[in-house]
Amino acid sequence: MPRTRYNPGQYTLEGIDDTPAPTDRLFFAILPDAETAERIGALANELRGKHHLTGRPIAAERLHVSLYHVGDFLGIPPGIVADASAAAATVAAQPFQVTFDRAMSFSGAPGNQPFVLSGGEGLAALVAFQQALFGAMARAGVNKKAKEGFTPHLTLMYDGHRIAEQPVAEISWTVREFVLVHSLIGRTQHVPLGRWPLAES
């Protein structure tokens, strides 16, 4: 029996009324290594105390920089992981450095503002890589509704206070792979489904 293929947009729940809430999210991301994640956690706790925040810092194993939102689903549709993985395998890039040197709040739901790390020129290579990944997904027809704009950031916590942009101690690491993540919505659990190493020249 032929495998049922994923039809982009067929199973996404965005914009459809009277449907159950999605339970599964798929996205591509880069993850900090263990040592960097520890430094990020220390910085999050430092900033939490400095600004009297009450939000709980994101656990080290869930720290990430989102690159591409594949979709939110009620169960993972057949074929979507294979299609997204095949597209990811076409992205050719070398390892690159990322540097986050600012912290700020993004707009969010009332009482639930994302407090994030961001940056400037130190994220230029990341932006270029995300554009290459976006192009690969677009050519494969994976989530045709995805928006091209990209604001690289790493969420530290969610809190009710809004914090203005400010410089922080640099957080840098070398990106050597990107990952397809399955997020179990509402269960604070991330499951890596595939990893693609960046090839050394």
N, C-alpha and C. Protein backbone atom coordinates (compact mmCIF):
# COMPACT_ATOMS: atom_id res chain seq x y z
N MET A 1 0.87 -1.20 0.00
CA MET A 1 0.00 0.00 0.00
C MET A 1 0.89 1.23 0.00
N PRO A 2 0.65 2.21 -0.90
CA PRO A 2 1.51 3.40 -0.93
C PRO A 2 1.34 4.22 0.32
N ARG A 3 2.43 4.85 0.73
CA ARG A 3 2.41 5.68 1.93
C ARG A 3 1.64 6.97 1.68
N THR A 4 0.77 7.33 2.62
CA THR A 4 0.03 8.58 2.50
C THR A 4 0.99 9.74 2.62
N ARG A 5 0.95 10.62 1.65
CA ARG A 5 1.87 11.75 1.65
C ARG A 5 1.26 12.94 2.38
N TYR A 6 2.11 13.70 2.97
CA TYR A 6 1.69 14.94 3.63
C TYR A 6 1.33 15.98 2.58
N ASN A 7 0.18 16.54 2.69
CA ASN A 7 -0.26 17.62 1.82
C ASN A 7 -0.11 18.92 2.58
N PRO A 8 0.88 19.79 2.23
CA PRO A 8 1.13 21.00 3.01
C PRO A 8 -0.14 21.82 3.22
N GLY A 9 -0.42 22.12 4.47
CA GLY A 9 -1.59 22.93 4.79
C GLY A 9 -2.82 22.10 5.09
N GLN A 10 -2.81 20.80 4.69
CA GLN A 10 -4.00 20.00 4.87
C GLN A 10 -4.32 19.75 6.33
N TYR A 11 -3.26 19.56 7.12
CA TYR A 11 -3.46 19.16 8.50
C TYR A 11 -3.22 20.28 9.50
N THR A 12 -2.71 21.40 9.06
CA THR A 12 -2.48 22.48 10.00
C THR A 12 -3.81 23.02 10.48
N LEU A 13 -3.82 23.48 11.71
CA LEU A 13 -5.08 23.88 12.33
C LEU A 13 -5.26 25.38 12.39
N GLU A 14 -4.27 26.13 11.89
CA GLU A 14 -4.36 27.57 11.95
C GLU A 14 -5.50 28.08 11.07
N GLY A 15 -6.31 28.94 11.62
CA GLY A 15 -7.36 29.57 10.83
C GLY A 15 -8.59 28.72 10.64
N ILE A 16 -8.65 27.51 11.24
CA ILE A 16 -9.82 26.65 11.10
C ILE A 16 -10.58 26.68 12.41
N ASP A 17 -11.88 26.98 12.32
CA ASP A 17 -12.70 27.09 13.51
C ASP A 17 -13.18 25.71 13.96
N ASP A 18 -13.52 25.61 15.24
CA ASP A 18 -14.14 24.41 15.80
C ASP A 18 -13.27 23.17 15.65
N THR A 19 -11.99 23.31 15.76
CA THR A 19 -11.09 22.16 15.73
C THR A 19 -10.43 22.03 17.09
N PRO A 20 -10.06 20.81 17.46
CA PRO A 20 -9.37 20.64 18.75
C PRO A 20 -8.04 21.39 18.73
N ALA A 21 -7.58 21.74 19.90
CA ALA A 21 -6.29 22.43 20.00
C ALA A 21 -5.18 21.50 19.54
N PRO A 22 -4.17 22.05 18.85
CA PRO A 22 -3.06 21.22 18.39
C PRO A 22 -2.28 20.64 19.57
N THR A 23 -1.75 19.46 19.35
CA THR A 23 -1.00 18.76 20.40
C THR A 23 0.48 18.60 20.06
N ASP A 24 0.83 18.83 18.79
CA ASP A 24 2.19 18.54 18.34
C ASP A 24 2.70 19.67 17.46
N ARG A 25 3.92 20.11 17.73
CA ARG A 25 4.56 21.17 16.95
C ARG A 25 5.87 20.63 16.38
N LEU A 26 6.13 20.92 15.12
CA LEU A 26 7.39 20.55 14.48
C LEU A 26 8.11 21.83 14.06
N PHE A 27 9.39 21.91 14.39
CA PHE A 27 10.17 23.08 13.97
C PHE A 27 11.65 22.70 13.87
N PHE A 28 12.35 23.43 13.01
CA PHE A 28 13.80 23.29 12.93
C PHE A 28 14.44 24.31 13.86
N ALA A 29 15.57 23.92 14.45
CA ALA A 29 16.21 24.79 15.43
C ALA A 29 17.71 24.50 15.48
N ILE A 30 18.43 25.43 16.07
CA ILE A 30 19.79 25.15 16.50
C ILE A 30 19.76 25.10 18.03
N LEU A 31 20.62 24.25 18.60
CA LEU A 31 20.67 24.07 20.04
C LEU A 31 22.05 24.41 20.57
N PRO A 32 22.13 25.06 21.70
CA PRO A 32 23.46 25.31 22.29
C PRO A 32 24.05 24.01 22.82
N ASP A 33 25.36 23.91 22.83
CA ASP A 33 26.00 22.75 23.46
C ASP A 33 25.80 22.84 24.97
N ALA A 34 26.15 21.76 25.66
CA ALA A 34 25.87 21.68 27.10
C ALA A 34 26.55 22.79 27.89
N GLU A 35 27.80 23.09 27.56
CA GLU A 35 28.52 24.14 28.29
C GLU A 35 27.87 25.50 28.05
N THR A 36 27.48 25.77 26.81
CA THR A 36 26.84 27.05 26.51
C THR A 36 25.48 27.14 27.18
N ALA A 37 24.73 26.04 27.18
CA ALA A 37 23.42 26.02 27.83
C ALA A 37 23.56 26.35 29.31
N GLU A 38 24.63 25.87 29.93
CA GLU A 38 24.87 26.18 31.35
C GLU A 38 25.12 27.67 31.54
N ARG A 39 25.90 28.27 30.62
CA ARG A 39 26.16 29.71 30.71
C ARG A 39 24.89 30.51 30.47
N ILE A 40 24.06 30.05 29.55
CA ILE A 40 22.79 30.74 29.30
C ILE A 40 21.91 30.67 30.54
N GLY A 41 21.87 29.52 31.18
CA GLY A 41 21.07 29.37 32.40
C GLY A 41 21.54 30.30 33.50
N ALA A 42 22.86 30.44 33.65
CA ALA A 42 23.40 31.33 34.66
C ALA A 42 23.03 32.78 34.36
N LEU A 43 23.11 33.16 33.08
CA LEU A 43 22.76 34.52 32.70
C LEU A 43 21.27 34.76 32.93
N ALA A 44 20.43 33.77 32.60
CA ALA A 44 18.98 33.92 32.81
C ALA A 44 18.68 34.16 34.29
N ASN A 45 19.33 33.41 35.17
CA ASN A 45 19.10 33.59 36.60
C ASN A 45 19.59 34.94 37.09
N GLU A 46 20.73 35.38 36.54
CA GLU A 46 21.26 36.70 36.90
C GLU A 46 20.28 37.80 36.50
N LEU A 47 19.77 37.74 35.27
CA LEU A 47 18.84 38.76 34.79
C LEU A 47 17.50 38.67 35.51
N ARG A 48 17.10 37.48 35.86
CA ARG A 48 15.86 37.28 36.60
C ARG A 48 15.92 38.01 37.94
N GLY A 49 17.05 37.86 38.64
CA GLY A 49 17.21 38.55 39.91
C GLY A 49 17.33 40.05 39.75
N LYS A 50 18.10 40.47 38.75
CA LYS A 50 18.33 41.90 38.52
C LYS A 50 17.03 42.63 38.26
N HIS A 51 16.11 42.03 37.50
CA HIS A 51 14.87 42.70 37.11
C HIS A 51 13.67 42.23 37.93
N HIS A 52 13.91 41.45 38.96
CA HIS A 52 12.84 40.99 39.87
C HIS A 52 11.74 40.26 39.08
N LEU A 53 12.16 39.40 38.19
CA LEU A 53 11.20 38.62 37.40
C LEU A 53 10.79 37.38 38.19
N THR A 54 9.61 36.88 37.88
CA THR A 54 9.10 35.70 38.58
C THR A 54 8.95 34.51 37.65
N GLY A 55 9.15 34.70 36.35
CA GLY A 55 9.04 33.60 35.41
C GLY A 55 10.14 32.57 35.64
N ARG A 56 9.84 31.32 35.30
CA ARG A 56 10.81 30.24 35.48
C ARG A 56 11.69 30.14 34.23
N PRO A 57 13.01 30.18 34.38
CA PRO A 57 13.89 30.05 33.22
C PRO A 57 13.64 28.74 32.46
N ILE A 58 13.78 28.80 31.14
CA ILE A 58 13.62 27.62 30.31
C ILE A 58 14.68 26.58 30.71
N ALA A 59 14.29 25.32 30.82
CA ALA A 59 15.22 24.26 31.17
C ALA A 59 16.31 24.13 30.11
N ALA A 60 17.50 23.74 30.54
CA ALA A 60 18.66 23.67 29.64
C ALA A 60 18.38 22.81 28.42
N GLU A 61 17.67 21.70 28.59
CA GLU A 61 17.43 20.78 27.47
C GLU A 61 16.42 21.32 26.46
N ARG A 62 15.75 22.43 26.80
CA ARG A 62 14.79 23.02 25.86
C ARG A 62 15.25 24.37 25.31
N LEU A 63 16.44 24.81 25.66
CA LEU A 63 16.96 26.05 25.08
C LEU A 63 17.24 25.84 23.60
N HIS A 64 16.80 26.77 22.78
CA HIS A 64 16.95 26.62 21.34
C HIS A 64 16.74 27.95 20.64
N VAL A 65 17.17 28.01 19.40
CA VAL A 65 16.86 29.12 18.51
C VAL A 65 16.03 28.56 17.37
N SER A 66 14.78 28.95 17.28
CA SER A 66 13.91 28.46 16.22
C SER A 66 14.35 29.00 14.87
N LEU A 67 14.35 28.12 13.86
CA LEU A 67 14.73 28.50 12.50
C LEU A 67 13.54 28.48 11.54
N TYR A 68 12.69 27.46 11.69
CA TYR A 68 11.60 27.30 10.73
C TYR A 68 10.47 26.51 11.38
N HIS A 69 9.28 27.09 11.37
CA HIS A 69 8.10 26.45 11.96
C HIS A 69 7.42 25.59 10.90
N VAL A 70 7.53 24.28 11.04
CA VAL A 70 6.91 23.37 10.09
C VAL A 70 5.39 23.38 10.24
N GLY A 71 4.92 23.40 11.49
CA GLY A 71 3.48 23.47 11.71
C GLY A 71 3.07 22.96 13.07
N ASP A 72 1.83 23.29 13.46
CA ASP A 72 1.19 22.76 14.66
C ASP A 72 0.09 21.81 14.21
N PHE A 73 0.01 20.64 14.84
CA PHE A 73 -0.87 19.59 14.36
C PHE A 73 -1.59 18.88 15.50
N LEU A 74 -2.65 18.21 15.16
CA LEU A 74 -3.33 17.30 16.08
C LEU A 74 -2.86 15.89 15.70
N GLY A 75 -1.73 15.50 16.29
CA GLY A 75 -1.04 14.30 15.82
C GLY A 75 -0.18 14.66 14.62
N ILE A 76 0.92 13.96 14.44
CA ILE A 76 1.81 14.27 13.33
C ILE A 76 1.29 13.62 12.05
N PRO A 77 1.00 14.39 11.00
CA PRO A 77 0.48 13.82 9.76
C PRO A 77 1.48 12.88 9.10
N PRO A 78 0.99 11.84 8.45
CA PRO A 78 1.89 10.93 7.74
C PRO A 78 2.68 11.68 6.66
N GLY A 79 3.97 11.44 6.60
CA GLY A 79 4.79 11.99 5.54
C GLY A 79 5.47 13.30 5.86
N ILE A 80 4.99 14.05 6.84
CA ILE A 80 5.54 15.38 7.06
C ILE A 80 6.99 15.33 7.54
N VAL A 81 7.30 14.39 8.43
CA VAL A 81 8.67 14.31 8.92
C VAL A 81 9.62 13.91 7.79
N ALA A 82 9.20 12.95 6.97
CA ALA A 82 10.03 12.52 5.84
C ALA A 82 10.24 13.65 4.84
N ASP A 83 9.19 14.41 4.54
CA ASP A 83 9.30 15.49 3.57
C ASP A 83 10.19 16.62 4.09
N ALA A 84 10.00 16.99 5.36
CA ALA A 84 10.82 18.05 5.95
C ALA A 84 12.27 17.60 6.05
N SER A 85 12.48 16.33 6.40
CA SER A 85 13.84 15.81 6.52
C SER A 85 14.55 15.78 5.17
N ALA A 86 13.82 15.38 4.12
CA ALA A 86 14.42 15.34 2.79
C ALA A 86 14.83 16.74 2.35
N ALA A 87 13.99 17.73 2.65
CA ALA A 87 14.33 19.11 2.29
C ALA A 87 15.54 19.59 3.09
N ALA A 88 15.58 19.25 4.38
CA ALA A 88 16.70 19.68 5.23
C ALA A 88 18.02 19.12 4.71
N ALA A 89 17.98 17.91 4.17
CA ALA A 89 19.21 17.27 3.69
C ALA A 89 19.80 17.97 2.49
N THR A 90 19.04 18.85 1.83
CA THR A 90 19.55 19.57 0.66
C THR A 90 20.27 20.86 1.04
N VAL A 91 20.22 21.25 2.33
CA VAL A 91 20.84 22.49 2.77
C VAL A 91 22.34 22.25 3.00
N ALA A 92 23.17 22.96 2.26
CA ALA A 92 24.61 22.82 2.41
C ALA A 92 25.17 24.07 3.09
N ALA A 93 25.88 23.88 4.18
CA ALA A 93 26.46 25.01 4.91
C ALA A 93 27.62 24.52 5.75
N GLN A 94 28.52 25.43 6.05
CA GLN A 94 29.64 25.14 6.94
C GLN A 94 29.30 25.60 8.35
N PRO A 95 29.97 25.06 9.36
CA PRO A 95 29.76 25.55 10.73
C PRO A 95 29.97 27.07 10.81
N PHE A 96 29.21 27.71 11.67
CA PHE A 96 29.31 29.16 11.80
C PHE A 96 29.13 29.56 13.25
N GLN A 97 29.57 30.75 13.56
CA GLN A 97 29.51 31.29 14.92
C GLN A 97 28.25 32.13 15.10
N VAL A 98 27.66 32.03 16.28
CA VAL A 98 26.56 32.92 16.66
C VAL A 98 26.95 33.63 17.96
N THR A 99 26.56 34.90 18.06
CA THR A 99 26.85 35.67 19.27
C THR A 99 25.60 36.47 19.65
N PHE A 100 25.10 36.20 20.85
CA PHE A 100 23.99 36.95 21.42
C PHE A 100 24.56 37.90 22.47
N ASP A 101 24.24 39.19 22.34
CA ASP A 101 24.82 40.17 23.27
C ASP A 101 23.80 41.17 23.79
N ARG A 102 22.53 40.87 23.63
CA ARG A 102 21.47 41.76 24.14
C ARG A 102 20.36 40.91 24.74
N ALA A 103 19.59 41.53 25.64
CA ALA A 103 18.41 40.89 26.20
C ALA A 103 17.26 41.88 26.13
N MET A 104 16.06 41.37 25.93
CA MET A 104 14.89 42.24 25.80
C MET A 104 13.63 41.40 25.87
N SER A 105 12.50 42.08 26.08
CA SER A 105 11.21 41.42 26.04
C SER A 105 10.59 41.58 24.66
N PHE A 106 9.97 40.52 24.18
CA PHE A 106 9.14 40.58 22.99
C PHE A 106 7.69 40.72 23.42
N SER A 107 6.86 41.20 22.52
CA SER A 107 5.43 41.27 22.81
C SER A 107 4.84 39.87 22.85
N GLY A 108 3.98 39.64 23.82
CA GLY A 108 3.32 38.35 23.95
C GLY A 108 1.96 38.52 24.59
N ALA A 109 1.38 37.42 25.00
CA ALA A 109 0.08 37.48 25.67
C ALA A 109 0.24 38.23 26.99
N PRO A 110 -0.80 38.92 27.44
CA PRO A 110 -0.71 39.65 28.71
C PRO A 110 -0.24 38.74 29.84
N GLY A 111 0.79 39.21 30.55
CA GLY A 111 1.33 38.43 31.65
C GLY A 111 2.26 37.32 31.23
N ASN A 112 2.56 37.25 29.92
CA ASN A 112 3.36 36.14 29.41
C ASN A 112 4.29 36.64 28.31
N GLN A 113 5.13 37.62 28.65
CA GLN A 113 6.02 38.22 27.67
C GLN A 113 7.31 37.39 27.53
N PRO A 114 7.69 37.03 26.31
CA PRO A 114 8.96 36.32 26.15
C PRO A 114 10.13 37.25 26.47
N PHE A 115 11.03 36.82 27.33
CA PHE A 115 12.26 37.53 27.64
C PHE A 115 13.38 36.77 26.95
N VAL A 116 14.08 37.43 26.02
CA VAL A 116 14.92 36.71 25.08
C VAL A 116 16.33 37.29 24.99
N LEU A 117 17.24 36.48 24.48
CA LEU A 117 18.54 36.96 24.02
C LEU A 117 18.42 37.29 22.54
N SER A 118 19.03 38.39 22.14
CA SER A 118 19.06 38.78 20.74
C SER A 118 20.46 39.29 20.41
N GLY A 119 20.62 39.89 19.26
CA GLY A 119 21.95 40.35 18.88
C GLY A 119 21.92 41.12 17.58
N GLY A 120 23.11 41.44 17.09
CA GLY A 120 23.24 42.22 15.86
C GLY A 120 24.09 41.50 14.84
N GLU A 121 25.26 42.06 14.54
CA GLU A 121 26.13 41.50 13.51
C GLU A 121 26.58 40.07 13.84
N GLY A 122 26.63 39.76 15.11
CA GLY A 122 27.04 38.42 15.51
C GLY A 122 26.07 37.33 15.11
N LEU A 123 24.92 37.72 14.55
CA LEU A 123 23.92 36.75 14.11
C LEU A 123 23.74 36.76 12.60
N ALA A 124 24.62 37.46 11.88
CA ALA A 124 24.47 37.57 10.43
C ALA A 124 24.56 36.21 9.75
N ALA A 125 25.50 35.37 10.18
CA ALA A 125 25.63 34.05 9.57
C ALA A 125 24.41 33.18 9.85
N LEU A 126 23.82 33.35 11.02
CA LEU A 126 22.60 32.61 11.36
C LEU A 126 21.45 33.02 10.45
N VAL A 127 21.32 34.31 10.21
CA VAL A 127 20.26 34.80 9.32
C VAL A 127 20.44 34.21 7.92
N ALA A 128 21.67 34.20 7.43
CA ALA A 128 21.94 33.65 6.10
C ALA A 128 21.60 32.16 6.04
N PHE A 129 21.94 31.43 7.11
CA PHE A 129 21.63 30.01 7.14
C PHE A 129 20.12 29.78 7.16
N GLN A 130 19.41 30.58 7.95
CA GLN A 130 17.94 30.41 8.01
C GLN A 130 17.32 30.67 6.65
N GLN A 131 17.83 31.63 5.91
CA GLN A 131 17.29 31.91 4.58
C GLN A 131 17.50 30.72 3.65
N ALA A 132 18.65 30.06 3.78
CA ALA A 132 18.90 28.87 2.97
C ALA A 132 17.93 27.75 3.34
N LEU A 133 17.68 27.58 4.64
CA LEU A 133 16.74 26.55 5.09
C LEU A 133 15.33 26.89 4.63
N PHE A 134 14.94 28.16 4.74
CA PHE A 134 13.62 28.58 4.30
C PHE A 134 13.44 28.28 2.81
N GLY A 135 14.46 28.56 2.02
CA GLY A 135 14.38 28.29 0.60
C GLY A 135 14.20 26.82 0.31
N ALA A 136 14.91 25.96 1.05
CA ALA A 136 14.78 24.52 0.85
C ALA A 136 13.38 24.05 1.19
N MET A 137 12.79 24.56 2.26
CA MET A 137 11.43 24.17 2.64
C MET A 137 10.41 24.68 1.62
N ALA A 138 10.63 25.88 1.13
CA ALA A 138 9.70 26.44 0.13
C ALA A 138 9.72 25.60 -1.14
N ARG A 139 10.91 25.19 -1.59
CA ARG A 139 11.01 24.37 -2.80
C ARG A 139 10.34 23.02 -2.63
N ALA A 140 10.37 22.51 -1.39
CA ALA A 140 9.76 21.21 -1.11
C ALA A 140 8.27 21.32 -0.82
N GLY A 141 7.76 22.53 -0.70
CA GLY A 141 6.34 22.71 -0.41
C GLY A 141 5.96 22.41 1.02
N VAL A 142 6.92 22.52 1.93
CA VAL A 142 6.64 22.27 3.35
C VAL A 142 6.17 23.57 4.00
N ASN A 143 4.95 23.57 4.47
CA ASN A 143 4.32 24.73 5.10
C ASN A 143 4.41 25.96 4.20
N LYS A 144 3.57 25.99 3.18
CA LYS A 144 3.57 27.10 2.23
C LYS A 144 3.15 28.42 2.86
N LYS A 145 2.56 28.36 4.06
CA LYS A 145 2.11 29.58 4.73
C LYS A 145 3.20 30.20 5.60
N ALA A 146 4.36 29.57 5.68
CA ALA A 146 5.43 30.09 6.53
C ALA A 146 5.85 31.48 6.06
N LYS A 147 6.11 32.37 7.01
CA LYS A 147 6.53 33.73 6.69
C LYS A 147 8.04 33.79 6.57
N GLU A 148 8.51 34.63 5.64
CA GLU A 148 9.93 34.69 5.36
C GLU A 148 10.72 35.49 6.39
N GLY A 149 10.07 36.41 7.08
CA GLY A 149 10.79 37.23 8.06
C GLY A 149 11.37 36.38 9.19
N PHE A 150 12.54 36.78 9.68
CA PHE A 150 13.22 36.00 10.72
C PHE A 150 13.91 36.95 11.68
N THR A 151 13.56 36.86 12.96
CA THR A 151 14.21 37.64 14.00
C THR A 151 14.89 36.65 14.95
N PRO A 152 16.19 36.41 14.77
CA PRO A 152 16.86 35.40 15.59
C PRO A 152 16.85 35.76 17.07
N HIS A 153 16.46 34.81 17.90
CA HIS A 153 16.42 35.04 19.34
C HIS A 153 16.42 33.70 20.06
N LEU A 154 16.75 33.75 21.33
CA LEU A 154 16.72 32.57 22.19
C LEU A 154 15.93 32.95 23.44
N THR A 155 14.82 32.29 23.67
CA THR A 155 13.95 32.64 24.80
C THR A 155 14.52 32.12 26.11
N LEU A 156 14.64 33.01 27.08
CA LEU A 156 15.15 32.66 28.40
C LEU A 156 14.04 32.26 29.36
N MET A 157 12.90 32.96 29.27
CA MET A 157 11.76 32.71 30.16
C MET A 157 10.58 33.54 29.68
N TYR A 158 9.44 33.31 30.29
CA TYR A 158 8.25 34.13 30.05
C TYR A 158 7.89 34.81 31.37
N ASP A 159 7.50 36.09 31.28
CA ASP A 159 7.25 36.84 32.51
C ASP A 159 6.23 37.94 32.22
N GLY A 160 5.59 38.44 33.26
CA GLY A 160 4.60 39.48 33.09
C GLY A 160 5.18 40.87 32.87
N HIS A 161 6.46 41.06 33.19
CA HIS A 161 7.09 42.36 33.02
C HIS A 161 7.72 42.49 31.65
N ARG A 162 7.74 43.70 31.12
CA ARG A 162 8.43 43.99 29.87
C ARG A 162 9.75 44.68 30.20
N ILE A 163 10.83 44.12 29.67
CA ILE A 163 12.17 44.63 29.92
C ILE A 163 12.71 45.24 28.64
N ALA A 164 13.20 46.48 28.74
CA ALA A 164 13.75 47.17 27.57
C ALA A 164 15.03 46.50 27.11
N GLU A 165 15.35 46.67 25.84
CA GLU A 165 16.58 46.10 25.28
C GLU A 165 17.80 46.63 26.02
N GLN A 166 18.73 45.75 26.31
CA GLN A 166 19.92 46.13 27.07
C GLN A 166 21.08 45.20 26.71
N PRO A 167 22.32 45.69 26.81
CA PRO A 167 23.47 44.83 26.54
C PRO A 167 23.66 43.83 27.68
N VAL A 168 24.15 42.64 27.33
CA VAL A 168 24.47 41.62 28.32
C VAL A 168 25.81 40.99 27.94
N ALA A 169 26.37 40.22 28.85
CA ALA A 169 27.60 39.49 28.56
C ALA A 169 27.37 38.58 27.36
N GLU A 170 28.33 38.54 26.44
CA GLU A 170 28.17 37.78 25.21
C GLU A 170 28.00 36.28 25.49
N ILE A 171 27.08 35.71 24.73
CA ILE A 171 26.92 34.26 24.69
C ILE A 171 27.20 33.82 23.26
N SER A 172 28.27 33.06 23.06
CA SER A 172 28.67 32.64 21.72
C SER A 172 28.90 31.13 21.68
N TRP A 173 28.61 30.54 20.54
CA TRP A 173 29.01 29.16 20.29
C TRP A 173 29.06 28.91 18.79
N THR A 174 29.71 27.83 18.41
CA THR A 174 29.81 27.45 17.00
C THR A 174 28.71 26.46 16.68
N VAL A 175 27.89 26.80 15.70
CA VAL A 175 26.79 25.94 15.26
C VAL A 175 27.36 24.87 14.33
N ARG A 176 27.18 23.60 14.69
CA ARG A 176 27.72 22.50 13.90
C ARG A 176 26.63 21.57 13.37
N GLU A 177 25.38 21.83 13.73
CA GLU A 177 24.28 21.02 13.24
C GLU A 177 22.97 21.77 13.44
N PHE A 178 21.93 21.34 12.75
CA PHE A 178 20.59 21.83 13.04
C PHE A 178 19.68 20.62 13.21
N VAL A 179 18.55 20.84 13.88
CA VAL A 179 17.75 19.74 14.40
C VAL A 179 16.28 19.95 14.06
N LEU A 180 15.57 18.86 13.74
CA LEU A 180 14.12 18.88 13.63
C LEU A 180 13.56 18.45 14.98
N VAL A 181 12.77 19.32 15.60
CA VAL A 181 12.28 19.10 16.95
C VAL A 181 10.78 18.85 16.94
N HIS A 182 10.36 17.84 17.69
CA HIS A 182 8.94 17.59 17.95
C HIS A 182 8.64 18.09 19.35
N SER A 183 7.83 19.14 19.44
CA SER A 183 7.42 19.70 20.72
C SER A 183 6.04 19.18 21.07
N LEU A 184 5.92 18.56 22.24
CA LEU A 184 4.62 18.11 22.74
C LEU A 184 3.98 19.30 23.45
N ILE A 185 3.05 19.94 22.77
CA ILE A 185 2.51 21.21 23.23
C ILE A 185 1.85 21.05 24.60
N GLY A 186 2.21 21.94 25.52
CA GLY A 186 1.63 21.92 26.85
C GLY A 186 2.28 20.95 27.80
N ARG A 187 3.29 20.19 27.30
CA ARG A 187 3.93 19.18 28.15
C ARG A 187 5.42 19.50 28.37
N THR A 188 5.85 20.67 27.91
CA THR A 188 7.24 21.13 28.06
C THR A 188 8.23 20.02 27.75
N GLN A 189 8.02 19.36 26.62
CA GLN A 189 8.91 18.28 26.21
C GLN A 189 9.29 18.44 24.75
N HIS A 190 10.59 18.37 24.46
CA HIS A 190 11.11 18.45 23.10
C HIS A 190 11.78 17.13 22.76
N VAL A 191 11.43 16.59 21.59
CA VAL A 191 12.00 15.32 21.13
C VAL A 191 12.69 15.55 19.80
N PRO A 192 14.02 15.44 19.71
CA PRO A 192 14.70 15.58 18.43
C PRO A 192 14.33 14.42 17.50
N LEU A 193 13.94 14.74 16.27
CA LEU A 193 13.57 13.71 15.30
C LEU A 193 14.63 13.51 14.23
N GLY A 194 15.53 14.46 14.07
CA GLY A 194 16.58 14.33 13.07
C GLY A 194 17.62 15.41 13.27
N ARG A 195 18.85 15.09 12.91
CA ARG A 195 19.97 16.05 13.04
C ARG A 195 20.75 16.05 11.73
N TRP A 196 21.15 17.26 11.30
CA TRP A 196 21.90 17.41 10.07
C TRP A 196 23.19 18.19 10.37
N PRO A 197 24.33 17.51 10.32
CA PRO A 197 25.60 18.19 10.60
C PRO A 197 25.95 19.17 9.49
N LEU A 198 26.62 20.25 9.86
CA LEU A 198 27.16 21.20 8.88
C LEU A 198 28.56 20.75 8.50
N ALA A 199 28.82 20.65 7.22
CA ALA A 199 30.05 20.02 6.74
C ALA A 199 31.21 21.00 6.81
N GLU A 200 32.32 20.54 7.36
CA GLU A 200 33.55 21.31 7.33
C GLU A 200 34.07 21.36 5.88
N SER A 201 34.64 22.48 5.47
CA SER A 201 35.18 22.59 4.10
C SER A 201 36.49 21.82 3.98
